[in-house]
Protein backbone atom coordinates (compact mmCIF):
# COMPACT_ATOMS: atom_id res chain seq x y z
CA MET A 1 32.84 24.15 43.69
CA GLU A 2 36.52 24.54 42.60
CA TRP A 3 38.94 22.43 40.95
CA ILE A 4 42.86 22.88 39.93
CA ILE A 5 42.94 22.17 36.19
CA ARG A 6 45.32 18.97 35.38
CA LYS A 7 47.48 18.56 32.33
CA ILE A 8 44.91 15.96 30.96
CA HIS A 9 42.36 18.65 30.61
CA GLU A 10 44.42 21.37 29.40
CA GLY A 11 42.81 22.95 26.19
CA LEU A 12 39.18 22.01 27.20
CA LEU A 13 36.66 24.80 27.08
CA ILE A 14 35.07 25.53 30.58
CA ARG A 15 31.93 24.41 29.01
CA THR A 16 33.02 21.13 28.06
CA TYR A 17 35.09 20.31 31.05
CA LEU A 18 32.07 21.07 33.39
CA GLN A 19 29.65 18.94 31.23
CA ARG A 20 32.00 16.18 30.58
CA GLU A 21 33.88 16.16 33.96
CA HIS A 22 31.38 17.08 36.31
CA GLY A 23 27.97 16.21 34.82
CA PHE A 24 26.85 19.97 34.37
CA SER A 25 23.82 20.35 32.11
CA ARG A 26 23.41 22.99 29.59
CA ARG A 27 20.70 24.05 31.51
CA MET A 28 22.80 24.68 34.91
CA ILE A 29 25.61 26.54 33.06
CA LYS A 30 22.99 28.87 31.63
CA SER A 31 21.46 29.34 35.06
CA ILE A 32 24.71 30.13 36.55
CA LYS A 33 25.56 32.59 33.35
CA PHE A 34 22.35 34.45 33.61
CA ASN A 35 21.06 34.21 37.14
CA GLY A 36 23.56 35.80 39.31
CA GLY A 37 26.37 33.06 39.40
CA ASN A 38 29.93 33.18 38.56
CA ILE A 39 32.71 31.19 36.59
CA LEU A 40 36.07 32.29 37.73
CA VAL A 41 39.66 31.28 36.44
CA ASN A 42 42.55 32.29 39.04
CA GLY A 43 39.99 34.89 40.48
CA THR A 44 38.91 36.40 37.05
CA ASN A 45 35.57 36.15 35.65
CA GLN A 46 35.86 34.14 32.39
CA ASN A 47 33.08 32.91 29.85
CA VAL A 48 32.35 29.12 29.04
CA ARG A 49 34.64 29.32 25.85
CA TYR A 50 37.68 29.92 27.81
CA GLU A 51 40.53 27.25 27.33
CA LEU A 52 41.88 25.71 30.37
CA LYS A 53 45.43 25.50 31.22
CA GLU A 54 47.22 23.41 33.35
CA GLY A 55 47.20 24.53 36.98
CA ASP A 56 44.12 26.94 36.44
CA LYS A 57 41.93 27.27 39.48
CA LEU A 58 38.49 26.92 38.10
CA VAL A 59 35.71 28.27 40.67
CA VAL A 60 32.01 27.97 40.17
CA GLU A 61 29.81 30.16 42.10
CA PHE A 62 25.99 29.31 42.07
CA PRO A 63 23.33 31.71 41.98
CA GLN A 64 21.39 32.16 45.19
CA GLU A 65 18.40 29.87 45.54
CA LYS A 66 15.04 31.34 45.73
CA ILE A 67 12.39 29.87 47.95
CA GLY A 68 8.78 30.06 46.80
CA ALA A 69 6.74 32.46 48.19
CA TYR A 70 4.20 30.21 49.56
CA MET A 71 6.87 27.87 51.35
CA GLU A 72 7.20 28.37 54.89
CA PRO A 73 9.92 26.92 57.23
CA GLU A 74 8.33 24.87 60.25
CA ASP A 75 10.25 23.55 63.07
CA THR A 76 8.87 20.20 62.69
CA PRO A 77 10.94 17.06 63.46
CA LEU A 78 12.34 14.86 60.68
CA SER A 79 14.04 11.19 60.91
CA ILE A 80 16.97 12.10 58.99
CA VAL A 81 18.98 8.93 58.27
CA TYR A 82 21.84 10.58 56.65
CA GLU A 83 22.92 14.27 55.63
CA ASP A 84 26.06 15.87 53.96
CA ASP A 85 26.44 19.18 52.01
CA ALA A 86 25.07 17.58 48.84
CA VAL A 87 22.04 15.06 49.87
CA LEU A 88 19.76 14.25 52.99
CA VAL A 89 17.98 10.92 53.28
CA LEU A 90 15.13 10.74 55.67
CA ASN A 91 12.51 8.01 56.65
CA LYS A 92 9.00 9.78 56.25
CA ALA A 93 6.29 8.88 58.23
CA ALA A 94 2.97 7.92 56.98
CA GLY A 95 0.49 10.77 57.02
CA MET A 96 2.72 13.64 55.95
CA LEU A 97 2.69 15.08 52.23
CA SER A 98 6.13 15.60 50.32
CA ILE A 99 5.27 19.03 49.27
CA PRO A 100 2.76 21.57 49.92
CA SER A 101 -0.55 21.87 48.09
CA LEU A 102 -3.24 24.30 47.82
CA GLN A 103 -5.58 22.21 50.07
CA GLN A 104 -2.55 21.88 52.67
CA PRO A 105 -0.08 24.73 52.62
CA THR A 106 1.67 23.70 55.85
CA GLY A 107 2.91 20.47 57.63
CA THR A 108 4.83 18.78 54.86
CA VAL A 109 8.21 17.10 54.43
CA ALA A 110 9.18 20.27 52.49
CA ASN A 111 8.05 22.87 55.24
CA ALA A 112 10.18 20.65 57.60
CA LEU A 113 13.16 20.51 55.55
CA LEU A 114 13.21 24.62 55.22
CA GLY A 115 12.91 24.57 58.95
CA HIS A 116 15.76 21.97 59.17
CA TYR A 117 17.96 24.34 56.69
CA LYS A 118 17.15 27.37 58.73
CA ASN A 119 18.24 26.10 61.88
CA HIS A 120 21.64 25.08 60.16
CA ASP A 121 22.03 28.26 57.94
CA VAL A 122 21.44 26.24 54.64
CA THR A 123 19.96 28.89 52.30
CA ASN A 124 18.77 26.76 49.34
CA THR A 125 15.25 25.64 48.64
CA VAL A 126 13.94 22.10 48.73
CA HIS A 127 14.62 19.60 45.92
CA ILE A 128 12.96 16.33 46.47
CA VAL A 129 14.35 13.80 44.34
CA THR A 130 12.15 10.71 45.15
CA ARG A 131 8.64 11.91 46.72
CA LEU A 132 6.39 9.56 48.35
CA ASP A 133 2.54 9.71 48.66
CA ARG A 134 1.01 11.34 52.14
CA ASP A 135 0.32 7.72 53.31
CA THR A 136 3.37 5.74 52.22
CA SER A 137 6.12 5.63 54.69
CA GLY A 138 9.97 5.18 54.23
CA LEU A 139 13.14 6.37 52.71
CA MET A 140 13.25 9.76 50.51
CA LEU A 141 16.02 11.09 48.77
CA VAL A 142 16.48 14.90 48.74
CA ALA A 143 19.19 17.06 47.07
CA LYS A 144 20.39 20.03 49.06
CA ASN A 145 21.31 22.13 46.19
CA SER A 146 20.39 22.90 42.44
CA TYR A 147 23.54 21.18 41.14
CA SER A 148 23.06 17.96 43.30
CA HIS A 149 19.31 17.89 41.96
CA SER A 150 20.39 18.08 38.46
CA ARG A 151 22.76 15.41 38.89
CA LEU A 152 20.39 13.12 40.72
CA SER A 153 17.68 13.91 38.11
CA ALA A 154 20.00 12.64 35.35
CA PHE A 155 20.90 9.50 37.42
CA GLN A 156 17.18 8.75 37.87
CA LYS A 157 16.70 8.65 34.28
CA ASP A 158 19.77 6.32 33.79
CA GLY A 159 18.51 4.00 36.53
CA LYS A 160 20.82 4.70 39.08
CA VAL A 161 18.49 5.79 41.64
CA LYS A 162 16.70 2.81 43.04
CA ARG A 163 13.88 2.33 45.36
CA GLN A 164 12.39 -1.10 46.85
CA TYR A 165 8.96 -1.16 48.57
CA GLN A 166 7.27 -3.68 50.99
CA ALA A 167 3.56 -3.77 50.77
CA VAL A 168 1.08 -6.05 52.26
CA ILE A 169 -1.69 -6.86 49.51
CA GLU A 170 -4.90 -8.63 49.74
CA GLY A 171 -5.06 -12.32 48.60
CA ILE A 172 -2.14 -14.58 47.57
CA PRO A 173 -1.00 -14.07 43.82
CA SER A 174 -0.53 -17.37 41.77
CA ASP A 175 2.75 -16.21 40.60
CA LYS A 176 5.26 -15.90 43.73
CA LYS A 177 7.56 -13.85 41.34
CA GLY A 178 6.48 -11.64 38.59
CA VAL A 179 6.18 -8.40 36.37
CA ILE A 180 3.25 -6.23 35.86
CA ASN A 181 3.68 -4.33 32.84
CA ALA A 182 0.46 -2.08 32.32
CA PRO A 183 0.61 1.80 31.07
CA ILE A 184 -1.03 4.18 33.55
CA GLU A 185 -2.82 7.40 33.19
CA ARG A 186 -4.97 9.61 35.03
CA LYS A 187 -8.70 8.63 35.52
CA GLU A 188 -10.95 10.60 33.41
CA GLY A 189 -12.97 13.00 35.92
CA SER A 190 -10.58 12.82 38.68
CA ILE A 191 -7.35 14.90 39.47
CA ILE A 192 -5.95 12.29 41.82
CA GLU A 193 -6.96 8.53 40.69
CA ARG A 194 -4.83 6.76 38.11
CA THR A 195 -6.05 3.95 36.35
CA VAL A 196 -4.44 1.52 33.81
CA ARG A 197 -5.20 2.65 30.25
CA GLU A 198 -4.01 1.71 26.90
CA ASP A 199 -3.11 5.13 25.74
CA GLY A 200 -1.42 5.66 29.52
CA LYS A 201 2.57 6.01 30.12
CA GLN A 202 4.52 2.89 30.21
CA ALA A 203 4.90 1.44 33.85
CA ILE A 204 6.59 -1.66 35.09
CA THR A 205 6.50 -3.04 38.48
CA HIS A 206 8.55 -6.26 39.48
CA TYR A 207 7.36 -7.99 42.64
CA GLU A 208 8.27 -11.22 44.79
CA ILE A 209 6.12 -12.97 47.58
CA ASP A 210 8.06 -12.30 50.79
CA LYS A 211 5.51 -14.09 53.33
CA GLU A 212 1.97 -15.55 52.82
CA PHE A 213 -0.70 -15.38 55.23
CA ASP A 214 -4.51 -16.72 54.95
CA HIS A 215 -5.78 -14.05 53.10
CA TYR A 216 -2.93 -11.56 52.52
CA SER A 217 0.60 -11.48 51.19
CA LEU A 218 3.74 -9.29 52.09
CA VAL A 219 5.52 -8.64 48.81
CA ARG A 220 8.73 -7.03 48.09
CA ILE A 221 8.71 -4.58 44.96
CA GLN A 222 11.22 -2.84 42.65
CA LEU A 223 9.96 -0.05 40.26
CA GLU A 224 11.27 -0.10 36.77
CA THR A 225 9.37 3.23 36.15
CA GLY A 226 8.08 5.76 38.58
CA ARG A 227 4.54 6.73 37.77
CA THR A 228 2.10 8.16 40.33
CA HIS A 229 0.44 5.64 42.29
CA GLN A 230 2.20 2.99 40.18
CA ILE A 231 2.35 0.12 42.93
CA ARG A 232 -1.27 0.99 44.18
CA VAL A 233 -2.67 1.00 40.64
CA HIS A 234 -0.78 -2.04 39.48
CA PHE A 235 -1.82 -4.45 42.35
CA SER A 236 -5.45 -3.32 42.23
CA TYR A 237 -5.25 -3.92 38.45
CA VAL A 238 -4.23 -7.51 38.93
CA GLY A 239 -7.05 -8.20 41.76
CA HIS A 240 -4.51 -7.94 44.91
CA PRO A 241 -4.99 -4.09 46.22
CA LEU A 242 -3.01 -2.83 48.68
CA VAL A 243 -4.47 -3.49 52.52
CA GLY A 244 -5.68 -0.13 53.80
CA ASP A 245 -5.81 1.48 50.04
CA THR A 246 -9.47 2.53 49.86
CA LEU A 247 -8.90 4.60 46.98
CA TYR A 248 -8.21 1.36 44.87
CA GLY A 249 -10.27 -1.20 46.51
CA GLY A 250 -8.14 -2.08 49.51
CA ASP A 251 -9.83 -2.86 52.94
CA ASP A 252 -9.00 -0.72 55.81
CA LYS A 253 -10.39 -2.81 58.58
CA TRP A 254 -6.87 -3.49 59.73
CA ILE A 255 -5.11 -0.15 59.17
CA GLY A 256 -6.06 3.38 57.89
CA ARG A 257 -3.55 3.88 55.44
CA GLN A 258 -2.16 1.69 52.40
CA ALA A 259 0.20 -0.91 53.60
CA LEU A 260 3.29 0.34 51.68
CA HIS A 261 6.83 1.20 52.78
CA CYS A 262 9.80 2.15 50.98
CA TYR A 263 12.45 0.22 52.78
CA ALA A 264 15.43 0.57 50.51
CA LEU A 265 17.12 3.26 48.78
CA SER A 266 20.37 3.16 46.64
CA PHE A 267 21.94 5.89 44.60
CA LYS A 268 25.26 7.33 42.81
CA HIS A 269 26.36 10.34 45.12
CA PRO A 270 26.18 13.33 42.77
CA ILE A 271 29.67 14.60 44.01
CA THR A 272 31.69 11.80 44.82
CA ASN A 273 29.95 9.22 42.35
CA GLU A 274 29.98 6.71 45.14
CA ASP A 275 27.43 4.17 45.41
CA ILE A 276 25.27 4.66 48.35
CA HIS A 277 22.63 2.17 49.91
CA PHE A 278 20.15 2.59 52.80
CA GLN A 279 17.46 0.34 54.32
CA GLN A 280 14.90 1.00 56.90
CA GLU A 281 12.90 -1.35 58.85
CA LEU A 282 8.97 -1.53 58.71
CA PRO A 283 7.05 1.25 61.02
CA GLN A 284 5.37 0.06 63.82
CA ASP A 285 1.93 0.17 62.21
CA LEU A 286 2.80 -2.31 59.49
CA LYS A 287 4.64 -4.41 62.14
CA GLN A 288 1.35 -4.55 63.97
CA LEU A 289 -0.53 -5.20 60.90
CA LEU A 290 1.68 -8.33 60.29
C-alpha cells in the first residue's frame, strides 16, 4: 500500500498516520516491523517514529503470509458473488465446513479458497471473517489479506459487519416480532453443543415472522452478537427449534439439515470505507421445504 503525504498530515509520526488515517492496529504495525515487512519513505527504510513531510511517498510492504502446513489447496468450485483485491464474498452451500478440522482436513471452504487463490496467483492465506456452520447456507465474508482482516475484525466489533438470516422454525411464536436475550455457553460434556446458561456469554437475537404456515414459520433474523450456534440455540430455548436441526430438537422429516440461510450481508469496505450490501435468495432445498 502506498500514499503521497498531504500537508494536513505533515509532522505526524508514521505510526500515528497509519493508525489514525488507515486503521492499522498496533499488532499489524508490529508484524510488519518484525516479520519481514518494510516501511519505506521515498524508497528508504524508516522506523515508525519518522515525522512525515508533505510530498513524502510512504510505502508499506506486508510480510509474506504463511499458509498452515495442514491446509491444502483444492480445486473445488465456489459460488463467488463478489471479489476484489481486499475482500471476497461467497454463497456457501449447505454441507460444507468453513475451515478444516482434525476429523475433516479437506473439502472445506478454506481448502477451496486456497485452490482459487493458487489459480489466480494470490499467495495469501485464508482469513474468514463471517463463518457459517457446516449445514448453514448463504453469504460469507472473506478477507484476502491480513490488513483487510484486521480492519474487518475491527468493523465487526463496532457493528459495521451485519448479517441477516432466514430460517424455518417449528410452531408459530405468539410474538410476531421480538428479541431473544439469553446467554450462551458450551454444554457440559460436549465439545459441539451449546446451551443457554446464566454464566454464559451475552447473546442477543432479533427476529420477525415473515410467513406463517399450519405448524411452521418462516422468520427473518438479525444477530446483535455472534455466538456459536446462536440462532439454533435461541430458537430451541424458546420452544421453536429450527426445522431439520436434530442437535437442538428439530424434526428432520422434511429436510436433512437445519433450515437456516444467511441471505443478506453488509459491511464497510476495508480499503474504500464504502458501505456494501449483498443479498442472496434461498437455496433450492429451502424453497422446496416451503
